[in-house]
Amino acid sequence: MMKMKHIIALCLILALVLPSTAAATSSQPKLVMHVAPTSGKAPLKVTFSYTLTGAKEASHTWYMGNGFSCHCTHRTYTYTKSGTYTVKLVLKTTAGKTLIATKKIYVYRK
């Protein structure tokens, strides 16, 4: 039969170990957008891609910052007019989470 001090010690160990184990196994999904180059003279050809870790993708949409959008995975896009564009990637996971990544693109006059 276990003594009371052993039961208390076991409860303390479990209270310390279980939360850290649960936190280590439940990672948050992470979305990283890759854009190159992020600035240059018009016309500026920019390559877009992304990596997703910790989740499975259900769908995604690229918003190029000038009214154009698409559902492409890896793509290039050419900005023909000078300006600052905010590129946004909206990705939905199979678990129902929505992840958003943004980057600024700076296009200068020819």
PDB file of N, CA and C in Angstrom:
ATOM      1  N   MET A   1       0.839  -1.181   0.000  1.00  0.00           N
ATOM      2  CA  MET A   1       0.000   0.000   0.000  1.00  0.00           C
ATOM      3  C   MET A   1       0.885   1.245   0.000  1.00  0.00           C
ATOM      4  N   MET A   2       0.491   2.233  -0.832  1.00  0.00           N
ATOM      5  CA  MET A   2       1.278   3.463  -0.938  1.00  0.00           C
ATOM      6  C   MET A   2       1.016   4.372   0.252  1.00  0.00           C
ATOM      7  N   LYS A   3       2.074   5.007   0.680  1.00  0.00           N
ATOM      8  CA  LYS A   3       1.938   5.973   1.762  1.00  0.00           C
ATOM      9  C   LYS A   3       1.462   7.306   1.193  1.00  0.00           C
ATOM     10  N   MET A   4       0.844   8.085   2.044  1.00  0.00           N
ATOM     11  CA  MET A   4       0.290   9.370   1.632  1.00  0.00           C
ATOM     12  C   MET A   4       1.356  10.267   1.007  1.00  0.00           C
ATOM     13  N   LYS A   5       2.579  10.302   1.535  1.00  0.00           N
ATOM     14  CA  LYS A   5       3.613  11.171   0.977  1.00  0.00           C
ATOM     15  C   LYS A   5       3.993  10.726  -0.430  1.00  0.00           C
ATOM     16  N   HIS A   6       3.914   9.413  -0.719  1.00  0.00           N
ATOM     17  CA  HIS A   6       4.203   8.926  -2.068  1.00  0.00           C
ATOM     18  C   HIS A   6       3.094   9.342  -3.045  1.00  0.00           C
ATOM     19  N   ILE A   7       1.869   9.291  -2.580  1.00  0.00           N
ATOM     20  CA  ILE A   7       0.746   9.700  -3.426  1.00  0.00           C
ATOM     21  C   ILE A   7       0.844  11.191  -3.751  1.00  0.00           C
ATOM     22  N   ILE A   8       1.165  11.996  -2.753  1.00  0.00           N
ATOM     23  CA  ILE A   8       1.306  13.430  -2.972  1.00  0.00           C
ATOM     24  C   ILE A   8       2.458  13.708  -3.937  1.00  0.00           C
ATOM     25  N   ALA A   9       3.581  13.020  -3.769  1.00  0.00           N
ATOM     26  CA  ALA A   9       4.726  13.209  -4.661  1.00  0.00           C
ATOM     27  C   ALA A   9       4.359  12.818  -6.090  1.00  0.00           C
ATOM     28  N   LEU A  10       3.637  11.739  -6.265  1.00  0.00           N
ATOM     29  CA  LEU A  10       3.218  11.295  -7.594  1.00  0.00           C
ATOM     30  C   LEU A  10       2.279  12.323  -8.230  1.00  0.00           C
ATOM     31  N   CYS A  11       1.359  12.859  -7.455  1.00  0.00           N
ATOM     32  CA  CYS A  11       0.440  13.883  -7.968  1.00  0.00           C
ATOM     33  C   CYS A  11       1.201  15.133  -8.401  1.00  0.00           C
ATOM     34  N   LEU A  12       2.195  15.538  -7.645  1.00  0.00           N
ATOM     35  CA  LEU A  12       2.994  16.702  -8.008  1.00  0.00           C
ATOM     36  C   LEU A  12       3.774  16.461  -9.303  1.00  0.00           C
ATOM     37  N   ILE A  13       4.342  15.272  -9.426  1.00  0.00           N
ATOM     38  CA  ILE A  13       5.083  14.940 -10.648  1.00  0.00           C
ATOM     39  C   ILE A  13       4.153  14.978 -11.853  1.00  0.00           C
ATOM     40  N   LEU A  14       2.972  14.367 -11.731  1.00  0.00           N
ATOM     41  CA  LEU A  14       2.021  14.359 -12.837  1.00  0.00           C
ATOM     42  C   LEU A  14       1.548  15.764 -13.176  1.00  0.00           C
ATOM     43  N   ALA A  15       1.346  16.587 -12.162  1.00  0.00           N
ATOM     44  CA  ALA A  15       0.902  17.957 -12.398  1.00  0.00           C
ATOM     45  C   ALA A  15       1.958  18.767 -13.153  1.00  0.00           C
ATOM     46  N   LEU A  16       3.221  18.456 -12.939  1.00  0.00           N
ATOM     47  CA  LEU A  16       4.287  19.168 -13.627  1.00  0.00           C
ATOM     48  C   LEU A  16       4.569  18.606 -15.022  1.00  0.00           C
ATOM     49  N   VAL A  17       4.497  17.301 -15.170  1.00  0.00           N
ATOM     50  CA  VAL A  17       4.891  16.651 -16.426  1.00  0.00           C
ATOM     51  C   VAL A  17       3.785  16.683 -17.468  1.00  0.00           C
ATOM     52  N   LEU A  18       2.561  16.416 -17.115  1.00  0.00           N
ATOM     53  CA  LEU A  18       1.485  16.311 -18.100  1.00  0.00           C
ATOM     54  C   LEU A  18       1.230  17.601 -18.874  1.00  0.00           C
ATOM     55  N   PRO A  19       1.147  18.771 -18.239  1.00  0.00           N
ATOM     56  CA  PRO A  19       0.914  19.977 -19.043  1.00  0.00           C
ATOM     57  C   PRO A  19       2.040  20.257 -20.036  1.00  0.00           C
ATOM     58  N   SER A  20       3.292  20.049 -19.654  1.00  0.00           N
ATOM     59  CA  SER A  20       4.386  20.313 -20.580  1.00  0.00           C
ATOM     60  C   SER A  20       4.403  19.295 -21.708  1.00  0.00           C
ATOM     61  N   THR A  21       4.007  18.065 -21.445  1.00  0.00           N
ATOM     62  CA  THR A  21       3.922  17.051 -22.493  1.00  0.00           C
ATOM     63  C   THR A  21       2.813  17.401 -23.472  1.00  0.00           C
ATOM     64  N   ALA A  22       1.676  17.848 -22.974  1.00  0.00           N
ATOM     65  CA  ALA A  22       0.560  18.229 -23.843  1.00  0.00           C
ATOM     66  C   ALA A  22       0.943  19.421 -24.713  1.00  0.00           C
ATOM     67  N   ALA A  23       1.647  20.384 -24.143  1.00  0.00           N
ATOM     68  CA  ALA A  23       2.059  21.562 -24.908  1.00  0.00           C
ATOM     69  C   ALA A  23       3.055  21.190 -25.994  1.00  0.00           C
ATOM     70  N   ALA A  24       3.925  20.243 -25.692  1.00  0.00           N
ATOM     71  CA  ALA A  24       4.936  19.848 -26.674  1.00  0.00           C
ATOM     72  C   ALA A  24       4.335  19.091 -27.842  1.00  0.00           C
ATOM     73  N   THR A  25       3.255  18.348 -27.601  1.00  0.00           N
ATOM     74  CA  THR A  25       2.672  17.546 -28.676  1.00  0.00           C
ATOM     75  C   THR A  25       1.628  18.298 -29.486  1.00  0.00           C
ATOM     76  N   SER A  26       1.097  19.396 -28.973  1.00  0.00           N
ATOM     77  CA  SER A  26       0.077  20.142 -29.725  1.00  0.00           C
ATOM     78  C   SER A  26       0.686  21.420 -30.288  1.00  0.00           C
ATOM     79  N   SER A  27       1.383  21.306 -31.412  1.00  0.00           N
ATOM     80  CA  SER A  27       2.014  22.474 -32.015  1.00  0.00           C
ATOM     81  C   SER A  27       0.994  23.249 -32.844  1.00  0.00           C
ATOM     82  N   GLN A  28       1.187  24.531 -32.896  1.00  0.00           N
ATOM     83  CA  GLN A  28       0.333  25.399 -33.689  1.00  0.00           C
ATOM     84  C   GLN A  28       0.798  25.354 -35.140  1.00  0.00           C
ATOM     85  N   PRO A  29      -0.126  25.366 -36.087  1.00  0.00           N
ATOM     86  CA  PRO A  29       0.295  25.412 -37.485  1.00  0.00           C
ATOM     87  C   PRO A  29       1.008  26.718 -37.792  1.00  0.00           C
ATOM     88  N   LYS A  30       1.961  26.645 -38.719  1.00  0.00           N
ATOM     89  CA  LYS A  30       2.753  27.822 -39.061  1.00  0.00           C
ATOM     90  C   LYS A  30       2.793  27.979 -40.578  1.00  0.00           C
ATOM     91  N   LEU A  31       2.489  29.176 -41.028  1.00  0.00           N
ATOM     92  CA  LEU A  31       2.494  29.521 -42.448  1.00  0.00           C
ATOM     93  C   LEU A  31       3.595  30.550 -42.686  1.00  0.00           C
ATOM     94  N   VAL A  32       4.479  30.268 -43.645  1.00  0.00           N
ATOM     95  CA  VAL A  32       5.557  31.193 -43.998  1.00  0.00           C
ATOM     96  C   VAL A  32       5.471  31.482 -45.495  1.00  0.00           C
ATOM     97  N   MET A  33       5.400  32.758 -45.828  1.00  0.00           N
ATOM     98  CA  MET A  33       5.347  33.192 -47.222  1.00  0.00           C
ATOM     99  C   MET A  33       6.765  33.513 -47.686  1.00  0.00           C
ATOM    100  N   HIS A  34       7.089  33.074 -48.909  1.00  0.00           N
ATOM    101  CA  HIS A  34       8.387  33.354 -49.515  1.00  0.00           C
ATOM    102  C   HIS A  34       8.155  34.238 -50.746  1.00  0.00           C
ATOM    103  N   VAL A  35       8.810  35.393 -50.770  1.00  0.00           N
ATOM    104  CA  VAL A  35       8.638  36.351 -51.854  1.00  0.00           C
ATOM    105  C   VAL A  35      10.021  36.879 -52.249  1.00  0.00           C
ATOM    106  N   ALA A  36      10.301  36.867 -53.564  1.00  0.00           N
ATOM    107  CA  ALA A  36      11.579  37.410 -54.022  1.00  0.00           C
ATOM    108  C   ALA A  36      11.432  37.879 -55.462  1.00  0.00           C
ATOM    109  N   PRO A  37      11.920  39.053 -55.773  1.00  0.00           N
ATOM    110  CA  PRO A  37      12.406  40.084 -54.862  1.00  0.00           C
ATOM    111  C   PRO A  37      11.229  40.839 -54.238  1.00  0.00           C
ATOM    112  N   THR A  38      11.520  41.634 -53.222  1.00  0.00           N
ATOM    113  CA  THR A  38      10.457  42.415 -52.585  1.00  0.00           C
ATOM    114  C   THR A  38      10.470  43.874 -53.031  1.00  0.00           C
ATOM    115  N   SER A  39      11.460  44.238 -53.868  1.00  0.00           N
ATOM    116  CA  SER A  39      11.488  45.603 -54.402  1.00  0.00           C
ATOM    117  C   SER A  39      12.292  45.625 -55.698  1.00  0.00           C
ATOM    118  N   GLY A  40      12.002  46.649 -56.511  1.00  0.00           N
ATOM    119  CA  GLY A  40      12.720  46.811 -57.764  1.00  0.00           C
ATOM    120  C   GLY A  40      11.955  47.710 -58.712  1.00  0.00           C
ATOM    121  N   LYS A  41      12.548  47.911 -59.899  1.00  0.00           N
ATOM    122  CA  LYS A  41      11.938  48.773 -60.910  1.00  0.00           C
ATOM    123  C   LYS A  41      10.880  48.011 -61.713  1.00  0.00           C
ATOM    124  N   ALA A  42       9.854  48.761 -62.136  1.00  0.00           N
ATOM    125  CA  ALA A  42       8.807  48.171 -62.979  1.00  0.00           C
ATOM    126  C   ALA A  42       9.361  47.961 -64.382  1.00  0.00           C
ATOM    127  N   PRO A  43       9.005  46.909 -65.064  1.00  0.00           N
ATOM    128  CA  PRO A  43       8.179  45.801 -64.585  1.00  0.00           C
ATOM    129  C   PRO A  43       8.984  44.889 -63.661  1.00  0.00           C
ATOM    130  N   LEU A  44       8.385  44.532 -62.522  1.00  0.00           N
ATOM    131  CA  LEU A  44       9.063  43.711 -61.511  1.00  0.00           C
ATOM    132  C   LEU A  44       8.420  42.333 -61.472  1.00  0.00           C
ATOM    133  N   LYS A  45       9.197  41.322 -61.823  1.00  0.00           N
ATOM    134  CA  LYS A  45       8.720  39.939 -61.784  1.00  0.00           C
ATOM    135  C   LYS A  45       9.058  39.358 -60.412  1.00  0.00           C
ATOM    136  N   VAL A  46       8.015  38.944 -59.681  1.00  0.00           N
ATOM    137  CA  VAL A  46       8.155  38.460 -58.308  1.00  0.00           C
ATOM    138  C   VAL A  46       7.720  36.995 -58.247  1.00  0.00           C
ATOM    139  N   THR A  47       8.496  36.189 -57.531  1.00  0.00           N
ATOM    140  CA  THR A  47       8.170  34.779 -57.341  1.00  0.00           C
ATOM    141  C   THR A  47       7.583  34.595 -55.942  1.00  0.00           C
ATOM    142  N   PHE A  48       6.473  33.876 -55.868  1.00  0.00           N
ATOM    143  CA  PHE A  48       5.755  33.640 -54.615  1.00  0.00           C
ATOM    144  C   PHE A  48       5.680  32.142 -54.342  1.00  0.00           C
ATOM    145  N   SER A  49       5.872  31.761 -53.088  1.00  0.00           N
ATOM    146  CA  SER A  49       5.618  30.387 -52.645  1.00  0.00           C
ATOM    147  C   SER A  49       5.382  30.434 -51.140  1.00  0.00           C
ATOM    148  N   TYR A  50       5.131  29.289 -50.545  1.00  0.00           N
ATOM    149  CA  TYR A  50       4.904  29.244 -49.102  1.00  0.00           C
ATOM    150  C   TYR A  50       5.220  27.859 -48.573  1.00  0.00           C
ATOM    151  N   THR A  51       5.417  27.794 -47.257  1.00  0.00           N
ATOM    152  CA  THR A  51       5.536  26.519 -46.569  1.00  0.00           C
ATOM    153  C   THR A  51       4.545  26.520 -45.417  1.00  0.00           C
ATOM    154  N   LEU A  52       3.956  25.363 -45.185  1.00  0.00           N
ATOM    155  CA  LEU A  52       3.010  25.167 -44.097  1.00  0.00           C
ATOM    156  C   LEU A  52       3.506  24.003 -43.262  1.00  0.00           C
ATOM    157  N   THR A  53       3.614  24.214 -41.953  1.00  0.00           N
ATOM    158  CA  THR A  53       4.013  23.142 -41.046  1.00  0.00           C
ATOM    159  C   THR A  53       2.965  23.003 -39.949  1.00  0.00           C
ATOM    160  N   GLY A  54       2.803  21.795 -39.468  1.00  0.00           N
ATOM    161  CA  GLY A  54       1.901  21.544 -38.349  1.00  0.00           C
ATOM    162  C   GLY A  54       0.442  21.417 -38.713  1.00  0.00           C
ATOM    163  N   ALA A  55       0.124  21.356 -40.002  1.00  0.00           N
ATOM    164  CA  ALA A  55      -1.275  21.233 -40.425  1.00  0.00           C
ATOM    165  C   ALA A  55      -1.320  20.766 -41.871  1.00  0.00           C
ATOM    166  N   LYS A  56      -2.509  20.379 -42.302  1.00  0.00           N
ATOM    167  CA  LYS A  56      -2.743  20.023 -43.693  1.00  0.00           C
ATOM    168  C   LYS A  56      -3.623  21.089 -44.322  1.00  0.00           C
ATOM    169  N   GLU A  57      -3.274  21.433 -45.548  1.00  0.00           N
ATOM    170  CA  GLU A  57      -3.984  22.498 -46.248  1.00  0.00           C
ATOM    171  C   GLU A  57      -5.289  21.999 -46.857  1.00  0.00           C
ATOM    172  N   ALA A  58      -6.330  22.831 -46.731  1.00  0.00           N
ATOM    173  CA  ALA A  58      -7.598  22.576 -47.412  1.00  0.00           C
ATOM    174  C   ALA A  58      -7.699  23.459 -48.655  1.00  0.00           C
ATOM    175  N   SER A  59      -7.319  24.742 -48.516  1.00  0.00           N
ATOM    176  CA  SER A  59      -7.358  25.664 -49.655  1.00  0.00           C
ATOM    177  C   SER A  59      -6.518  26.891 -49.334  1.00  0.00           C
ATOM    178  N   HIS A  60      -6.211  27.657 -50.372  1.00  0.00           N
ATOM    179  CA  HIS A  60      -5.485  28.911 -50.177  1.00  0.00           C
ATOM    180  C   HIS A  60      -5.808  29.866 -51.318  1.00  0.00           C
ATOM    181  N   THR A  61      -5.610  31.161 -51.032  1.00  0.00           N
ATOM    182  CA  THR A  61      -5.803  32.199 -52.043  1.00  0.00           C
ATOM    183  C   THR A  61      -4.722  33.258 -51.865  1.00  0.00           C
ATOM    184  N   TRP A  62      -4.101  33.625 -52.987  1.00  0.00           N
ATOM    185  CA  TRP A  62      -3.149  34.730 -53.024  1.00  0.00           C
ATOM    186  C   TRP A  62      -3.892  35.996 -53.427  1.00  0.00           C
ATOM    187  N   TYR A  63      -3.621  37.092 -52.746  1.00  0.00           N
ATOM    188  CA  TYR A  63      -4.123  38.416 -53.108  1.00  0.00           C
ATOM    189  C   TYR A  63      -2.894  39.278 -53.393  1.00  0.00           C
ATOM    190  N   MET A  64      -2.758  39.740 -54.627  1.00  0.00           N
ATOM    191  CA  MET A  64      -1.531  40.403 -55.063  1.00  0.00           C
ATOM    192  C   MET A  64      -1.441  41.881 -54.695  1.00  0.00           C
ATOM    193  N   GLY A  65      -2.468  42.431 -54.101  1.00  0.00           N
ATOM    194  CA  GLY A  65      -2.409  43.815 -53.648  1.00  0.00           C
ATOM    195  C   GLY A  65      -2.847  44.838 -54.681  1.00  0.00           C
ATOM    196  N   ASN A  66      -3.242  44.356 -55.862  1.00  0.00           N
ATOM    197  CA  ASN A  66      -3.688  45.275 -56.911  1.00  0.00           C
ATOM    198  C   ASN A  66      -5.023  44.832 -57.521  1.00  0.00           C
ATOM    199  N   GLY A  67      -5.761  44.023 -56.775  1.00  0.00           N
ATOM    200  CA  GLY A  67      -7.050  43.549 -57.254  1.00  0.00           C
ATOM    201  C   GLY A  67      -7.010  42.152 -57.855  1.00  0.00           C
ATOM    202  N   PHE A  68      -5.822  41.639 -58.160  1.00  0.00           N
ATOM    203  CA  PHE A  68      -5.694  40.310 -58.743  1.00  0.00           C
ATOM    204  C   PHE A  68      -5.555  39.280 -57.628  1.00  0.00           C
ATOM    205  N   SER A  69      -6.223  38.124 -57.795  1.00  0.00           N
ATOM    206  CA  SER A  69      -6.083  37.029 -56.831  1.00  0.00           C
ATOM    207  C   SER A  69      -6.058  35.711 -57.595  1.00  0.00           C
ATOM    208  N   CYS A  70      -5.515  34.671 -56.956  1.00  0.00           N
ATOM    209  CA  CYS A  70      -5.480  33.343 -57.582  1.00  0.00           C
ATOM    210  C   CYS A  70      -5.326  32.273 -56.507  1.00  0.00           C
ATOM    211  N   HIS A  71      -5.491  31.023 -56.926  1.00  0.00           N
ATOM    212  CA  HIS A  71      -5.379  29.864 -56.034  1.00  0.00           C
ATOM    213  C   HIS A  71      -4.138  29.030 -56.359  1.00  0.00           C
ATOM    214  N   CYS A  72      -3.099  29.650 -56.884  1.00  0.00           N
ATOM    215  CA  CYS A  72      -1.888  28.951 -57.321  1.00  0.00           C
ATOM    216  C   CYS A  72      -0.976  28.625 -56.134  1.00  0.00           C
ATOM    217  N   THR A  73      -0.219  27.530 -56.235  1.00  0.00           N
ATOM    218  CA  THR A  73       0.714  27.160 -55.172  1.00  0.00           C
ATOM    219  C   THR A  73       2.038  27.892 -55.328  1.00  0.00           C
ATOM    220  N   HIS A  74       2.685  27.741 -56.445  1.00  0.00           N
ATOM    221  CA  HIS A  74       3.952  28.430 -56.718  1.00  0.00           C
ATOM    222  C   HIS A  74       3.744  29.238 -57.990  1.00  0.00           C
ATOM    223  N   ARG A  75       4.033  30.489 -57.918  1.00  0.00           N
ATOM    224  CA  ARG A  75       3.744  31.313 -59.083  1.00  0.00           C
ATOM    225  C   ARG A  75       4.683  32.505 -59.158  1.00  0.00           C
ATOM    226  N   THR A  76       4.675  33.109 -60.327  1.00  0.00           N
ATOM    227  CA  THR A  76       5.337  34.397 -60.509  1.00  0.00           C
ATOM    228  C   THR A  76       4.266  35.395 -60.935  1.00  0.00           C
ATOM    229  N   TYR A  77       4.521  36.629 -60.596  1.00  0.00           N
ATOM    230  CA  TYR A  77       3.588  37.684 -60.972  1.00  0.00           C
ATOM    231  C   TYR A  77       4.424  38.911 -61.310  1.00  0.00           C
ATOM    232  N   THR A  78       4.042  39.639 -62.360  1.00  0.00           N
ATOM    233  CA  THR A  78       4.773  40.820 -62.773  1.00  0.00           C
ATOM    234  C   THR A  78       3.955  42.071 -62.458  1.00  0.00           C
ATOM    235  N   TYR A  79       4.551  42.928 -61.644  1.00  0.00           N
ATOM    236  CA  TYR A  79       3.949  44.225 -61.334  1.00  0.00           C
ATOM    237  C   TYR A  79       4.442  45.217 -62.377  1.00  0.00           C
ATOM    238  N   THR A  80       3.517  45.823 -63.110  1.00  0.00           N
ATOM    239  CA  THR A  80       3.886  46.717 -64.204  1.00  0.00           C
ATOM    240  C   THR A  80       3.832  48.191 -63.825  1.00  0.00           C
ATOM    241  N   LYS A  81       3.174  48.520 -62.729  1.00  0.00           N
ATOM    242  CA  LYS A  81       3.048  49.913 -62.293  1.00  0.00           C
ATOM    243  C   LYS A  81       3.780  50.112 -60.975  1.00  0.00           C
ATOM    244  N   SER A  82       4.345  51.302 -60.799  1.00  0.00           N
ATOM    245  CA  SER A  82       5.024  51.599 -59.543  1.00  0.00           C
ATOM    246  C   SER A  82       4.001  51.728 -58.422  1.00  0.00           C
ATOM    247  N   GLY A  83       4.456  51.430 -57.226  1.00  0.00           N
ATOM    248  CA  GLY A  83       3.592  51.526 -56.057  1.00  0.00           C
ATOM    249  C   GLY A  83       4.018  50.545 -54.984  1.00  0.00           C
ATOM    250  N   THR A  84       3.309  50.602 -53.872  1.00  0.00           N
ATOM    251  CA  THR A  84       3.527  49.666 -52.774  1.00  0.00           C
ATOM    252  C   THR A  84       2.340  48.725 -52.737  1.00  0.00           C
ATOM    253  N   TYR A  85       2.618  47.442 -52.787  1.00  0.00           N
ATOM    254  CA  TYR A  85       1.574  46.418 -52.829  1.00  0.00           C
ATOM    255  C   TYR A  85       1.711  45.517 -51.606  1.00  0.00           C
ATOM    256  N   THR A  86       0.586  45.243 -50.967  1.00  0.00           N
ATOM    257  CA  THR A  86       0.574  44.296 -49.856  1.00  0.00           C
ATOM    258  C   THR A  86       0.035  42.969 -50.380  1.00  0.00           C
ATOM    259  N   VAL A  87       0.925  41.987 -50.453  1.00  0.00           N
ATOM    260  CA  VAL A  87       0.547  40.650 -50.898  1.00  0.00           C
ATOM    261  C   VAL A  87       0.057  39.892 -49.674  1.00  0.00           C
ATOM    262  N   LYS A  88      -1.086  39.228 -49.829  1.00  0.00           N
ATOM    263  CA  LYS A  88      -1.670  38.483 -48.712  1.00  0.00           C
ATOM    264  C   LYS A  88      -1.960  37.055 -49.158  1.00  0.00           C
ATOM    265  N   LEU A  89      -1.589  36.107 -48.321  1.00  0.00           N
ATOM    266  CA  LEU A  89      -1.904  34.704 -48.543  1.00  0.00           C
ATOM    267  C   LEU A  89      -2.846  34.259 -47.436  1.00  0.00           C
ATOM    268  N   VAL A  90      -4.020  33.788 -47.818  1.00  0.00           N
ATOM    269  CA  VAL A  90      -5.002  33.280 -46.853  1.00  0.00           C
ATOM    270  C   VAL A  90      -5.110  31.777 -47.074  1.00  0.00           C
ATOM    271  N   LEU A  91      -4.770  31.008 -46.048  1.00  0.00           N
ATOM    272  CA  LEU A  91      -4.766  29.551 -46.146  1.00  0.00           C
ATOM    273  C   LEU A  91      -5.700  28.965 -45.101  1.00  0.00           C
ATOM    274  N   LYS A  92      -6.528  28.023 -45.520  1.00  0.00           N
ATOM    275  CA  LYS A  92      -7.425  27.312 -44.594  1.00  0.00           C
ATOM    276  C   LYS A  92      -6.904  25.897 -44.432  1.00  0.00           C
ATOM    277  N   THR A  93      -6.879  25.422 -43.180  1.00  0.00           N
ATOM    278  CA  THR A  93      -6.407  24.071 -42.901  1.00  0.00           C
ATOM    279  C   THR A  93      -7.589  23.108 -42.873  1.00  0.00           C
ATOM    280  N   THR A  94      -7.276  21.812 -42.944  1.00  0.00           N
ATOM    281  CA  THR A  94      -8.327  20.807 -42.877  1.00  0.00           C
ATOM    282  C   THR A  94      -8.992  20.789 -41.502  1.00  0.00           C
ATOM    283  N   ALA A  95      -8.325  21.356 -40.491  1.00  0.00           N
ATOM    284  CA  ALA A  95      -8.900  21.450 -39.146  1.00  0.00           C
ATOM    285  C   ALA A  95      -9.781  22.685 -38.994  1.00  0.00           C
ATOM    286  N   GLY A  96      -9.912  23.482 -40.071  1.00  0.00           N
ATOM    287  CA  GLY A  96     -10.789  24.643 -40.025  1.00  0.00           C
ATOM    288  C   GLY A  96     -10.132  25.935 -39.590  1.00  0.00           C
ATOM    289  N   LYS A  97      -8.816  25.950 -39.404  1.00  0.00           N
ATOM    290  CA  LYS A  97      -8.125  27.186 -39.021  1.00  0.00           C
ATOM    291  C   LYS A  97      -7.808  28.000 -40.262  1.00  0.00           C
ATOM    292  N   THR A  98      -7.824  29.319 -40.110  1.00  0.00           N
ATOM    293  CA  THR A  98      -7.431  30.229 -41.175  1.00  0.00           C
ATOM    294  C   THR A  98      -6.122  30.886 -40.778  1.00  0.00           C
ATOM    295  N   LEU A  99      -5.127  30.757 -41.648  1.00  0.00           N
ATOM    296  CA  LEU A  99      -3.817  31.359 -41.422  1.00  0.00           C
ATOM    297  C   LEU A  99      -3.599  32.430 -42.487  1.00  0.00           C
ATOM    298  N   ILE A 100      -3.006  33.561 -42.079  1.00  0.00           N
ATOM    299  CA  ILE A 100      -2.787  34.671 -43.004  1.00  0.00           C
ATOM    300  C   ILE A 100      -1.330  35.126 -42.908  1.00  0.00           C
ATOM    301  N   ALA A 101      -0.713  35.327 -44.070  1.00  0.00           N
ATOM    302  CA  ALA A 101       0.641  35.879 -44.131  1.00  0.00           C
ATOM    303  C   ALA A 101       0.620  37.051 -45.109  1.00  0.00           C
ATOM    304  N   THR A 102       1.385  38.097 -44.803  1.00  0.00           N
ATOM    305  CA  THR A 102       1.440  39.270 -45.684  1.00  0.00           C
ATOM    306  C   THR A 102       2.888  39.715 -45.879  1.00  0.00           C
ATOM    307  N   LYS A 103       3.128  40.342 -47.013  1.00  0.00           N
ATOM    308  CA  LYS A 103       4.422  40.952 -47.328  1.00  0.00           C
ATOM    309  C   LYS A 103       4.186  42.186 -48.180  1.00  0.00           C
ATOM    310  N   LYS A 104       5.071  43.148 -48.060  1.00  0.00           N
ATOM    311  CA  LYS A 104       5.018  44.358 -48.870  1.00  0.00           C
ATOM    312  C   LYS A 104       5.951  44.188 -50.076  1.00  0.00           C
ATOM    313  N   ILE A 105       5.476  44.658 -51.227  1.00  0.00           N
ATOM    314  CA  ILE A 105       6.259  44.698 -52.449  1.00  0.00           C
ATOM    315  C   ILE A 105       6.364  46.165 -52.857  1.00  0.00           C
ATOM    316  N   TYR A 106       7.587  46.632 -53.115  1.00  0.00           N
ATOM    317  CA  TYR A 106       7.813  48.015 -53.505  1.00  0.00           C
ATOM    318  C   TYR A 106       8.287  48.044 -54.953  1.00  0.00           C
ATOM    319  N   VAL A 107       7.493  48.690 -55.797  1.00  0.00           N
ATOM    320  CA  VAL A 107       7.823  48.780 -57.218  1.00  0.00           C
ATOM    321  C   VAL A 107       8.076  50.252 -57.549  1.00  0.00           C
ATOM    322  N   TYR A 108       9.240  50.501 -58.177  1.00  0.00           N
ATOM    323  CA  TYR A 108       9.655  51.861 -58.517  1.00  0.00           C
ATOM    324  C   TYR A 108       9.427  52.133 -59.992  1.00  0.00           C
ATOM    325  N   ARG A 109       9.482  53.400 -60.356  1.00  0.00           N
ATOM    326  CA  ARG A 109       9.302  53.794 -61.757  1.00  0.00           C
ATOM    327  C   ARG A 109      10.419  53.199 -62.601  1.00  0.00           C
ATOM    328  N   LYS A 110      10.076  53.042 -63.873  1.00  0.00           N
ATOM    329  CA  LYS A 110      11.046  52.492 -64.842  1.00  0.00           C
ATOM    330  C   LYS A 110      12.277  53.336 -64.953  1.00  0.00           C
TER     331      LYS A 110
END
